Amino acid sequence: MTTISPITAAGASAAAKPLDPRLKQAAQGFEAIFVRQMLASARKDNFGDTLWGSDQGHDTFTAMRDEKFADITAHSGTLGLAKQIEDQLAGKGSPAIPATGAKP
């Protein structure tokens, strides 16, 4: 059976260290862009919806609504993508490529 050691004071201070707010903002911005692209891709096909027709005002409103929804989603942390990006860029996550440069 494996025992779990308690967090030391040094480990706790490293874990509690706040990340750079610019990194958090950039990660949330990326997540918002990602969500906007997902919504735009989902709306490419209107599934035969001809109730409102196709006009510039409706398209603009839809784009603005999607943008606001994406920003709210990114800032709320609902998807968790921004947190994963932030952790990866801060060096908390596991690297995608080994540090030695060896091919997997």
PDB file of N, CA and C in Angstrom:
ATOM      1  N   MET A   1       0.832  -1.171   0.000  1.00  0.00           N
ATOM      2  CA  MET A   1       0.000   0.000   0.000  1.00  0.00           C
ATOM      3  C   MET A   1       0.884   1.244   0.000  1.00  0.00           C
ATOM      4  N   THR A   2       0.536   2.207  -0.788  1.00  0.00           N
ATOM      5  CA  THR A   2       1.312   3.430  -0.907  1.00  0.00           C
ATOM      6  C   THR A   2       0.836   4.454   0.106  1.00  0.00           C
ATOM      7  N   THR A   3       1.793   5.085   0.779  1.00  0.00           N
ATOM      8  CA  THR A   3       1.431   6.141   1.722  1.00  0.00           C
ATOM      9  C   THR A   3       1.555   7.487   1.035  1.00  0.00           C
ATOM     10  N   ILE A   4       0.698   8.370   1.410  1.00  0.00           N
ATOM     11  CA  ILE A   4       0.713   9.717   0.839  1.00  0.00           C
ATOM     12  C   ILE A   4       1.350  10.643   1.849  1.00  0.00           C
ATOM     13  N   SER A   5       2.412  11.306   1.434  1.00  0.00           N
ATOM     14  CA  SER A   5       3.094  12.207   2.356  1.00  0.00           C
ATOM     15  C   SER A   5       2.388  13.559   2.381  1.00  0.00           C
ATOM     16  N   PRO A   6       2.404  14.224   3.527  1.00  0.00           N
ATOM     17  CA  PRO A   6       1.750  15.537   3.624  1.00  0.00           C
ATOM     18  C   PRO A   6       2.532  16.580   2.829  1.00  0.00           C
ATOM     19  N   ILE A   7       1.840  17.630   2.448  1.00  0.00           N
ATOM     20  CA  ILE A   7       2.485  18.721   1.717  1.00  0.00           C
ATOM     21  C   ILE A   7       3.353  19.516   2.676  1.00  0.00           C
ATOM     22  N   THR A   8       4.576  19.737   2.275  1.00  0.00           N
ATOM     23  CA  THR A   8       5.489  20.514   3.110  1.00  0.00           C
ATOM     24  C   THR A   8       5.226  21.995   2.908  1.00  0.00           C
ATOM     25  N   ALA A   9       5.811  22.812   3.738  1.00  0.00           N
ATOM     26  CA  ALA A   9       5.635  24.253   3.631  1.00  0.00           C
ATOM     27  C   ALA A   9       6.156  24.766   2.289  1.00  0.00           C
ATOM     28  N   ALA A  10       7.266  24.204   1.822  1.00  0.00           N
ATOM     29  CA  ALA A  10       7.820  24.643   0.535  1.00  0.00           C
ATOM     30  C   ALA A  10       6.887  24.252  -0.599  1.00  0.00           C
ATOM     31  N   GLY A  11       6.331  23.037  -0.537  1.00  0.00           N
ATOM     32  CA  GLY A  11       5.400  22.582  -1.565  1.00  0.00           C
ATOM     33  C   GLY A  11       4.110  23.384  -1.551  1.00  0.00           C
ATOM     34  N   ALA A  12       3.652  23.739  -0.357  1.00  0.00           N
ATOM     35  CA  ALA A  12       2.406  24.504  -0.246  1.00  0.00           C
ATOM     36  C   ALA A  12       2.581  25.901  -0.797  1.00  0.00           C
ATOM     37  N   SER A  13       3.744  26.527  -0.530  1.00  0.00           N
ATOM     38  CA  SER A  13       3.943  27.880  -1.035  1.00  0.00           C
ATOM     39  C   SER A  13       4.089  27.878  -2.552  1.00  0.00           C
ATOM     40  N   ALA A  14       4.677  26.821  -3.109  1.00  0.00           N
ATOM     41  CA  ALA A  14       4.804  26.735  -4.561  1.00  0.00           C
ATOM     42  C   ALA A  14       3.442  26.519  -5.207  1.00  0.00           C
ATOM     43  N   ALA A  15       2.595  25.716  -4.541  1.00  0.00           N
ATOM     44  CA  ALA A  15       1.268  25.450  -5.085  1.00  0.00           C
ATOM     45  C   ALA A  15       0.372  26.671  -4.955  1.00  0.00           C
ATOM     46  N   ALA A  16       0.572  27.473  -3.910  1.00  0.00           N
ATOM     47  CA  ALA A  16      -0.282  28.634  -3.669  1.00  0.00           C
ATOM     48  C   ALA A  16       0.190  29.867  -4.431  1.00  0.00           C
ATOM     49  N   LYS A  17       1.331  29.789  -5.059  1.00  0.00           N
ATOM     50  CA  LYS A  17       1.884  30.939  -5.782  1.00  0.00           C
ATOM     51  C   LYS A  17       0.947  31.319  -6.927  1.00  0.00           C
ATOM     52  N   PRO A  18       0.477  32.561  -6.942  1.00  0.00           N
ATOM     53  CA  PRO A  18      -0.431  32.963  -8.013  1.00  0.00           C
ATOM     54  C   PRO A  18       0.303  33.053  -9.347  1.00  0.00           C
ATOM     55  N   LEU A  19      -0.407  32.682 -10.393  1.00  0.00           N
ATOM     56  CA  LEU A  19       0.175  32.753 -11.723  1.00  0.00           C
ATOM     57  C   LEU A  19       0.095  34.177 -12.255  1.00  0.00           C
ATOM     58  N   ASP A  20       0.843  34.428 -13.280  1.00  0.00           N
ATOM     59  CA  ASP A  20       0.850  35.725 -13.927  1.00  0.00           C
ATOM     60  C   ASP A  20      -0.552  36.026 -14.474  1.00  0.00           C
ATOM     61  N   PRO A  21      -1.147  37.149 -14.106  1.00  0.00           N
ATOM     62  CA  PRO A  21      -2.499  37.458 -14.592  1.00  0.00           C
ATOM     63  C   PRO A  21      -2.571  37.591 -16.112  1.00  0.00           C
ATOM     64  N   ARG A  22      -1.450  37.968 -16.732  1.00  0.00           N
ATOM     65  CA  ARG A  22      -1.439  38.067 -18.205  1.00  0.00           C
ATOM     66  C   ARG A  22      -1.564  36.689 -18.836  1.00  0.00           C
ATOM     67  N   LEU A  23      -0.985  35.689 -18.180  1.00  0.00           N
ATOM     68  CA  LEU A  23      -1.083  34.312 -18.668  1.00  0.00           C
ATOM     69  C   LEU A  23      -2.523  33.828 -18.585  1.00  0.00           C
ATOM     70  N   LYS A  24      -3.187  34.133 -17.476  1.00  0.00           N
ATOM     71  CA  LYS A  24      -4.587  33.758 -17.308  1.00  0.00           C
ATOM     72  C   LYS A  24      -5.460  34.449 -18.359  1.00  0.00           C
ATOM     73  N   GLN A  25      -5.213  35.717 -18.584  1.00  0.00           N
ATOM     74  CA  GLN A  25      -5.988  36.476 -19.575  1.00  0.00           C
ATOM     75  C   GLN A  25      -5.786  35.911 -20.982  1.00  0.00           C
ATOM     76  N   ALA A  26      -4.551  35.566 -21.304  1.00  0.00           N
ATOM     77  CA  ALA A  26      -4.259  35.006 -22.626  1.00  0.00           C
ATOM     78  C   ALA A  26      -4.924  33.644 -22.802  1.00  0.00           C
ATOM     79  N   ALA A  27      -4.887  32.819 -21.764  1.00  0.00           N
ATOM     80  CA  ALA A  27      -5.510  31.496 -21.835  1.00  0.00           C
ATOM     81  C   ALA A  27      -7.025  31.621 -21.986  1.00  0.00           C
ATOM     82  N   GLN A  28      -7.635  32.550 -21.256  1.00  0.00           N
ATOM     83  CA  GLN A  28      -9.074  32.765 -21.383  1.00  0.00           C
ATOM     84  C   GLN A  28      -9.420  33.324 -22.760  1.00  0.00           C
ATOM     85  N   GLY A  29      -8.562  34.178 -23.287  1.00  0.00           N
ATOM     86  CA  GLY A  29      -8.786  34.699 -24.632  1.00  0.00           C
ATOM     87  C   GLY A  29      -8.741  33.601 -25.681  1.00  0.00           C
ATOM     88  N   PHE A  30      -7.809  32.673 -25.512  1.00  0.00           N
ATOM     89  CA  PHE A  30      -7.727  31.551 -26.446  1.00  0.00           C
ATOM     90  C   PHE A  30      -8.965  30.676 -26.348  1.00  0.00           C
ATOM     91  N   GLU A  31      -9.415  30.415 -25.116  1.00  0.00           N
ATOM     92  CA  GLU A  31     -10.611  29.595 -24.944  1.00  0.00           C
ATOM     93  C   GLU A  31     -11.824  30.286 -25.571  1.00  0.00           C
ATOM     94  N   ALA A  32     -11.926  31.596 -25.431  1.00  0.00           N
ATOM     95  CA  ALA A  32     -13.046  32.331 -26.027  1.00  0.00           C
ATOM     96  C   ALA A  32     -13.015  32.223 -27.547  1.00  0.00           C
ATOM     97  N   ILE A  33     -11.837  32.326 -28.134  1.00  0.00           N
ATOM     98  CA  ILE A  33     -11.703  32.178 -29.590  1.00  0.00           C
ATOM     99  C   ILE A  33     -12.119  30.772 -30.008  1.00  0.00           C
ATOM    100  N   PHE A  34     -11.694  29.793 -29.238  1.00  0.00           N
ATOM    101  CA  PHE A  34     -12.033  28.398 -29.530  1.00  0.00           C
ATOM    102  C   PHE A  34     -13.548  28.180 -29.491  1.00  0.00           C
ATOM    103  N   VAL A  35     -14.204  28.711 -28.477  1.00  0.00           N
ATOM    104  CA  VAL A  35     -15.655  28.556 -28.355  1.00  0.00           C
ATOM    105  C   VAL A  35     -16.365  29.279 -29.493  1.00  0.00           C
ATOM    106  N   ARG A  36     -15.881  30.481 -29.847  1.00  0.00           N
ATOM    107  CA  ARG A  36     -16.484  31.212 -30.978  1.00  0.00           C
ATOM    108  C   ARG A  36     -16.380  30.407 -32.268  1.00  0.00           C
ATOM    109  N   GLN A  37     -15.230  29.790 -32.496  1.00  0.00           N
ATOM    110  CA  GLN A  37     -15.048  28.978 -33.697  1.00  0.00           C
ATOM    111  C   GLN A  37     -15.968  27.756 -33.685  1.00  0.00           C
ATOM    112  N   MET A  38     -16.136  27.153 -32.508  1.00  0.00           N
ATOM    113  CA  MET A  38     -17.049  26.020 -32.394  1.00  0.00           C
ATOM    114  C   MET A  38     -18.477  26.435 -32.727  1.00  0.00           C
ATOM    115  N   LEU A  39     -18.903  27.566 -32.181  1.00  0.00           N
ATOM    116  CA  LEU A  39     -20.261  28.032 -32.443  1.00  0.00           C
ATOM    117  C   LEU A  39     -20.453  28.403 -33.906  1.00  0.00           C
ATOM    118  N   ALA A  40     -19.460  29.055 -34.497  1.00  0.00           N
ATOM    119  CA  ALA A  40     -19.551  29.422 -35.918  1.00  0.00           C
ATOM    120  C   ALA A  40     -19.626  28.178 -36.795  1.00  0.00           C
ATOM    121  N   SER A  41     -18.852  27.173 -36.437  1.00  0.00           N
ATOM    122  CA  SER A  41     -18.872  25.933 -37.199  1.00  0.00           C
ATOM    123  C   SER A  41     -20.222  25.233 -37.063  1.00  0.00           C
ATOM    124  N   ALA A  42     -20.786  25.277 -35.875  1.00  0.00           N
ATOM    125  CA  ALA A  42     -22.084  24.649 -35.652  1.00  0.00           C
ATOM    126  C   ALA A  42     -23.196  25.374 -36.403  1.00  0.00           C
ATOM    127  N   ARG A  43     -23.027  26.658 -36.650  1.00  0.00           N
ATOM    128  CA  ARG A  43     -24.064  27.443 -37.316  1.00  0.00           C
ATOM    129  C   ARG A  43     -23.915  27.471 -38.845  1.00  0.00           C
ATOM    130  N   LYS A  44     -22.864  26.859 -39.380  1.00  0.00           N
ATOM    131  CA  LYS A  44     -22.663  26.875 -40.831  1.00  0.00           C
ATOM    132  C   LYS A  44     -23.869  26.328 -41.568  1.00  0.00           C
ATOM    133  N   ASP A  45     -24.416  25.254 -41.054  1.00  0.00           N
ATOM    134  CA  ASP A  45     -25.599  24.664 -41.672  1.00  0.00           C
ATOM    135  C   ASP A  45     -26.807  25.086 -40.863  1.00  0.00           C
ATOM    136  N   ASN A  46     -27.751  25.726 -41.510  1.00  0.00           N
ATOM    137  CA  ASN A  46     -28.905  26.234 -40.780  1.00  0.00           C
ATOM    138  C   ASN A  46     -30.027  25.206 -40.663  1.00  0.00           C
ATOM    139  N   PHE A  47     -29.812  23.998 -41.155  1.00  0.00           N
ATOM    140  CA  PHE A  47     -30.776  22.912 -41.049  1.00  0.00           C
ATOM    141  C   PHE A  47     -32.142  23.297 -41.606  1.00  0.00           C
ATOM    142  N   GLY A  48     -32.153  24.110 -42.658  1.00  0.00           N
ATOM    143  CA  GLY A  48     -33.402  24.465 -43.312  1.00  0.00           C
ATOM    144  C   GLY A  48     -34.198  25.526 -42.588  1.00  0.00           C
ATOM    145  N   ASP A  49     -33.592  26.240 -41.662  1.00  0.00           N
ATOM    146  CA  ASP A  49     -34.299  27.281 -40.926  1.00  0.00           C
ATOM    147  C   ASP A  49     -34.455  28.509 -41.820  1.00  0.00           C
ATOM    148  N   THR A  50     -35.627  28.706 -42.337  1.00  0.00           N
ATOM    149  CA  THR A  50     -35.892  29.861 -43.206  1.00  0.00           C
ATOM    150  C   THR A  50     -36.880  30.821 -42.569  1.00  0.00           C
ATOM    151  N   LEU A  51     -37.120  30.672 -41.273  1.00  0.00           N
ATOM    152  CA  LEU A  51     -38.072  31.529 -40.589  1.00  0.00           C
ATOM    153  C   LEU A  51     -37.658  33.000 -40.662  1.00  0.00           C
ATOM    154  N   TRP A  52     -36.393  33.258 -40.397  1.00  0.00           N
ATOM    155  CA  TRP A  52     -35.926  34.640 -40.389  1.00  0.00           C
ATOM    156  C   TRP A  52     -35.263  35.044 -41.697  1.00  0.00           C
ATOM    157  N   GLY A  53     -35.016  34.114 -42.552  1.00  0.00           N
ATOM    158  CA  GLY A  53     -34.342  34.448 -43.799  1.00  0.00           C
ATOM    159  C   GLY A  53     -32.871  34.715 -43.551  1.00  0.00           C
ATOM    160  N   SER A  54     -32.247  35.308 -44.528  1.00  0.00           N
ATOM    161  CA  SER A  54     -30.825  35.623 -44.405  1.00  0.00           C
ATOM    162  C   SER A  54     -30.648  37.121 -44.592  1.00  0.00           C
ATOM    163  N   ASP A  55     -30.372  37.805 -43.513  1.00  0.00           N
ATOM    164  CA  ASP A  55     -30.124  39.241 -43.624  1.00  0.00           C
ATOM    165  C   ASP A  55     -28.918  39.620 -42.779  1.00  0.00           C
ATOM    166  N   GLN A  56     -28.348  40.766 -43.068  1.00  0.00           N
ATOM    167  CA  GLN A  56     -27.131  41.224 -42.402  1.00  0.00           C
ATOM    168  C   GLN A  56     -27.361  41.473 -40.917  1.00  0.00           C
ATOM    169  N   GLY A  57     -28.509  42.007 -40.552  1.00  0.00           N
ATOM    170  CA  GLY A  57     -28.800  42.298 -39.149  1.00  0.00           C
ATOM    171  C   GLY A  57     -28.842  41.041 -38.299  1.00  0.00           C
ATOM    172  N   HIS A  58     -29.479  40.025 -38.812  1.00  0.00           N
ATOM    173  CA  HIS A  58     -29.561  38.764 -38.078  1.00  0.00           C
ATOM    174  C   HIS A  58     -28.183  38.128 -37.934  1.00  0.00           C
ATOM    175  N   ASP A  59     -27.403  38.159 -38.991  1.00  0.00           N
ATOM    176  CA  ASP A  59     -26.044  37.591 -38.941  1.00  0.00           C
ATOM    177  C   ASP A  59     -25.175  38.336 -37.933  1.00  0.00           C
ATOM    178  N   THR A  60     -25.291  39.656 -37.910  1.00  0.00           N
ATOM    179  CA  THR A  60     -24.514  40.466 -36.972  1.00  0.00           C
ATOM    180  C   THR A  60     -24.926  40.161 -35.540  1.00  0.00           C
ATOM    181  N   PHE A  61     -26.237  40.096 -35.299  1.00  0.00           N
ATOM    182  CA  PHE A  61     -26.723  39.779 -33.959  1.00  0.00           C
ATOM    183  C   PHE A  61     -26.234  38.404 -33.509  1.00  0.00           C
ATOM    184  N   THR A  62     -26.300  37.431 -34.393  1.00  0.00           N
ATOM    185  CA  THR A  62     -25.856  36.078 -34.056  1.00  0.00           C
ATOM    186  C   THR A  62     -24.368  36.068 -33.717  1.00  0.00           C
ATOM    187  N   ALA A  63     -23.556  36.782 -34.488  1.00  0.00           N
ATOM    188  CA  ALA A  63     -22.112  36.842 -34.218  1.00  0.00           C
ATOM    189  C   ALA A  63     -21.839  37.508 -32.874  1.00  0.00           C
ATOM    190  N   MET A  64     -22.569  38.587 -32.579  1.00  0.00           N
ATOM    191  CA  MET A  64     -22.383  39.285 -31.304  1.00  0.00           C
ATOM    192  C   MET A  64     -22.820  38.406 -30.130  1.00  0.00           C
ATOM    193  N   ARG A  65     -23.913  37.688 -30.290  1.00  0.00           N
ATOM    194  CA  ARG A  65     -24.402  36.802 -29.242  1.00  0.00           C
ATOM    195  C   ARG A  65     -23.396  35.674 -28.994  1.00  0.00           C
ATOM    196  N   ASP A  66     -22.872  35.097 -30.067  1.00  0.00           N
ATOM    197  CA  ASP A  66     -21.884  34.024 -29.923  1.00  0.00           C
ATOM    198  C   ASP A  66     -20.614  34.524 -29.248  1.00  0.00           C
ATOM    199  N   GLU A  67     -20.197  35.738 -29.596  1.00  0.00           N
ATOM    200  CA  GLU A  67     -18.995  36.309 -29.001  1.00  0.00           C
ATOM    201  C   GLU A  67     -19.182  36.507 -27.496  1.00  0.00           C
ATOM    202  N   LYS A  68     -20.326  37.031 -27.098  1.00  0.00           N
ATOM    203  CA  LYS A  68     -20.603  37.244 -25.675  1.00  0.00           C
ATOM    204  C   LYS A  68     -20.674  35.900 -24.931  1.00  0.00           C
ATOM    205  N   PHE A  69     -21.341  34.939 -25.527  1.00  0.00           N
ATOM    206  CA  PHE A  69     -21.440  33.614 -24.916  1.00  0.00           C
ATOM    207  C   PHE A  69     -20.052  32.999 -24.758  1.00  0.00           C
ATOM    208  N   ALA A  70     -19.207  33.139 -25.760  1.00  0.00           N
ATOM    209  CA  ALA A  70     -17.851  32.590 -25.693  1.00  0.00           C
ATOM    210  C   ALA A  70     -17.039  33.267 -24.597  1.00  0.00           C
ATOM    211  N   ASP A  71     -17.171  34.586 -24.470  1.00  0.00           N
ATOM    212  CA  ASP A  71     -16.440  35.304 -23.419  1.00  0.00           C
ATOM    213  C   ASP A  71     -16.901  34.875 -22.025  1.00  0.00           C
ATOM    214  N   ILE A  72     -18.209  34.742 -21.853  1.00  0.00           N
ATOM    215  CA  ILE A  72     -18.740  34.310 -20.557  1.00  0.00           C
ATOM    216  C   ILE A  72     -18.263  32.903 -20.233  1.00  0.00           C
ATOM    217  N   THR A  73     -18.284  32.027 -21.214  1.00  0.00           N
ATOM    218  CA  THR A  73     -17.848  30.645 -21.002  1.00  0.00           C
ATOM    219  C   THR A  73     -16.375  30.594 -20.619  1.00  0.00           C
ATOM    220  N   ALA A  74     -15.540  31.361 -21.307  1.00  0.00           N
ATOM    221  CA  ALA A  74     -14.104  31.361 -21.023  1.00  0.00           C
ATOM    222  C   ALA A  74     -13.802  31.919 -19.640  1.00  0.00           C
ATOM    223  N   HIS A  75     -14.482  32.995 -19.250  1.00  0.00           N
ATOM    224  CA  HIS A  75     -14.213  33.612 -17.948  1.00  0.00           C
ATOM    225  C   HIS A  75     -14.785  32.802 -16.782  1.00  0.00           C
ATOM    226  N   SER A  76     -15.822  32.022 -17.034  1.00  0.00           N
ATOM    227  CA  SER A  76     -16.407  31.225 -15.956  1.00  0.00           C
ATOM    228  C   SER A  76     -15.613  29.952 -15.688  1.00  0.00           C
ATOM    229  N   GLY A  77     -14.834  29.511 -16.658  1.00  0.00           N
ATOM    230  CA  GLY A  77     -14.050  28.289 -16.486  1.00  0.00           C
ATOM    231  C   GLY A  77     -14.875  27.032 -16.662  1.00  0.00           C
ATOM    232  N   THR A  78     -16.008  27.149 -17.296  1.00  0.00           N
ATOM    233  CA  THR A  78     -16.915  26.007 -17.465  1.00  0.00           C
ATOM    234  C   THR A  78     -16.267  24.855 -18.213  1.00  0.00           C
ATOM    235  N   LEU A  79     -15.586  25.137 -19.303  1.00  0.00           N
ATOM    236  CA  LEU A  79     -14.970  24.081 -20.092  1.00  0.00           C
ATOM    237  C   LEU A  79     -13.633  23.626 -19.519  1.00  0.00           C
ATOM    238  N   GLY A  80     -12.935  24.509 -18.832  1.00  0.00           N
ATOM    239  CA  GLY A  80     -11.659  24.160 -18.228  1.00  0.00           C
ATOM    240  C   GLY A  80     -10.471  24.232 -19.178  1.00  0.00           C
ATOM    241  N   LEU A  81     -10.709  24.627 -20.412  1.00  0.00           N
ATOM    242  CA  LEU A  81      -9.623  24.704 -21.384  1.00  0.00           C
ATOM    243  C   LEU A  81      -8.608  25.782 -21.008  1.00  0.00           C
ATOM    244  N   ALA A  82      -9.078  26.933 -20.566  1.00  0.00           N
ATOM    245  CA  ALA A  82      -8.165  28.022 -20.195  1.00  0.00           C
ATOM    246  C   ALA A  82      -7.265  27.607 -19.036  1.00  0.00           C
ATOM    247  N   LYS A  83      -7.816  26.907 -18.066  1.00  0.00           N
ATOM    248  CA  LYS A  83      -7.018  26.457 -16.915  1.00  0.00           C
ATOM    249  C   LYS A  83      -5.947  25.468 -17.357  1.00  0.00           C
ATOM    250  N   GLN A  84      -6.300  24.563 -18.267  1.00  0.00           N
ATOM    251  CA  GLN A  84      -5.327  23.594 -18.771  1.00  0.00           C
ATOM    252  C   GLN A  84      -4.198  24.304 -19.523  1.00  0.00           C
ATOM    253  N   ILE A  85      -4.552  25.281 -20.339  1.00  0.00           N
ATOM    254  CA  ILE A  85      -3.547  26.042 -21.093  1.00  0.00           C
ATOM    255  C   ILE A  85      -2.668  26.824 -20.129  1.00  0.00           C
ATOM    256  N   GLU A  86      -3.286  27.461 -19.156  1.00  0.00           N
ATOM    257  CA  GLU A  86      -2.543  28.248 -18.169  1.00  0.00           C
ATOM    258  C   GLU A  86      -1.554  27.372 -17.404  1.00  0.00           C
ATOM    259  N   ASP A  87      -2.009  26.213 -16.960  1.00  0.00           N
ATOM    260  CA  ASP A  87      -1.128  25.296 -16.231  1.00  0.00           C
ATOM    261  C   ASP A  87       0.017  24.803 -17.111  1.00  0.00           C
ATOM    262  N   GLN A  88      -0.294  24.503 -18.353  1.00  0.00           N
ATOM    263  CA  GLN A  88       0.736  24.008 -19.275  1.00  0.00           C
ATOM    264  C   GLN A  88       1.799  25.083 -19.531  1.00  0.00           C
ATOM    265  N   LEU A  89       1.352  26.306 -19.775  1.00  0.00           N
ATOM    266  CA  LEU A  89       2.305  27.381 -20.057  1.00  0.00           C
ATOM    267  C   LEU A  89       3.080  27.808 -18.814  1.00  0.00           C
ATOM    268  N   ALA A  90       2.505  27.611 -17.649  1.00  0.00           N
ATOM    269  CA  ALA A  90       3.190  27.955 -16.401  1.00  0.00           C
ATOM    270  C   ALA A  90       4.161  26.864 -15.969  1.00  0.00           C
ATOM    271  N   GLY A  91       4.161  25.750 -16.687  1.00  0.00           N
ATOM    272  CA  GLY A  91       5.082  24.667 -16.362  1.00  0.00           C
ATOM    273  C   GLY A  91       4.543  23.692 -15.344  1.00  0.00           C
ATOM    274  N   LYS A  92       3.239  23.753 -15.053  1.00  0.00           N
ATOM    275  CA  LYS A  92       2.647  22.829 -14.083  1.00  0.00           C
ATOM    276  C   LYS A  92       2.258  21.507 -14.722  1.00  0.00           C
ATOM    277  N   GLY A  93       1.918  21.529 -15.997  1.00  0.00           N
ATOM    278  CA  GLY A  93       1.452  20.320 -16.666  1.00  0.00           C
ATOM    279  C   GLY A  93       2.597  19.503 -17.198  1.00  0.00           C
ATOM    280  N   SER A  94       2.269  18.329 -17.681  1.00  0.00           N
ATOM    281  CA  SER A  94       3.302  17.488 -18.267  1.00  0.00           C
ATOM    282  C   SER A  94       3.620  17.994 -19.663  1.00  0.00           C
ATOM    283  N   PRO A  95       4.894  18.030 -20.049  1.00  0.00           N
ATOM    284  CA  PRO A  95       5.249  18.524 -21.372  1.00  0.00           C
ATOM    285  C   PRO A  95       4.765  17.582 -22.464  1.00  0.00           C
ATOM    286  N   ALA A  96       4.363  18.160 -23.583  1.00  0.00           N
ATOM    287  CA  ALA A  96       3.886  17.360 -24.707  1.00  0.00           C
ATOM    288  C   ALA A  96       5.046  16.662 -25.407  1.00  0.00           C
ATOM    289  N   ILE A  97       6.217  17.303 -25.412  1.00  0.00           N
ATOM    290  CA  ILE A  97       7.415  16.759 -26.057  1.00  0.00           C
ATOM    291  C   ILE A  97       8.477  16.586 -24.978  1.00  0.00           C
ATOM    292  N   PRO A  98       9.155  15.463 -24.910  1.00  0.00           N
ATOM    293  CA  PRO A  98      10.173  15.270 -23.885  1.00  0.00           C
ATOM    294  C   PRO A  98      11.256  16.353 -23.963  1.00  0.00           C
ATOM    295  N   ALA A  99      11.761  16.747 -22.795  1.00  0.00           N
ATOM    296  CA  ALA A  99      12.747  17.818 -22.733  1.00  0.00           C
ATOM    297  C   ALA A  99      14.046  17.456 -23.421  1.00  0.00           C
ATOM    298  N   THR A 100      14.345  16.175 -23.567  1.00  0.00           N
ATOM    299  CA  THR A 100      15.597  15.757 -24.184  1.00  0.00           C
ATOM    300  C   THR A 100      15.575  15.931 -25.684  1.00  0.00           C
ATOM    301  N   GLY A 101      14.381  16.150 -26.231  1.00  0.00           N
ATOM    302  CA  GLY A 101      14.274  16.307 -27.671  1.00  0.00           C
ATOM    303  C   GLY A 101      14.158  14.988 -28.406  1.00  0.00           C
ATOM    304  N   ALA A 102      14.144  13.870 -27.652  1.00  0.00           N
ATOM    305  CA  ALA A 102      14.014  12.557 -28.269  1.00  0.00           C
ATOM    306  C   ALA A 102      12.604  12.368 -28.802  1.00  0.00           C
ATOM    307  N   LYS A 103      12.522  11.670 -29.903  1.00  0.00           N
ATOM    308  CA  LYS A 103      11.213  11.401 -30.482  1.00  0.00           C
ATOM    309  C   LYS A 103      10.546  10.276 -29.704  1.00  0.00           C
ATOM    310  N   PRO A 104       9.240  10.386 -29.471  1.00  0.00           N
ATOM    311  CA  PRO A 104       8.551   9.326 -28.716  1.00  0.00           C
ATOM    312  C   PRO A 104       8.451   8.039 -29.469  1.00  0.00           C
TER     313      PRO A 104
END
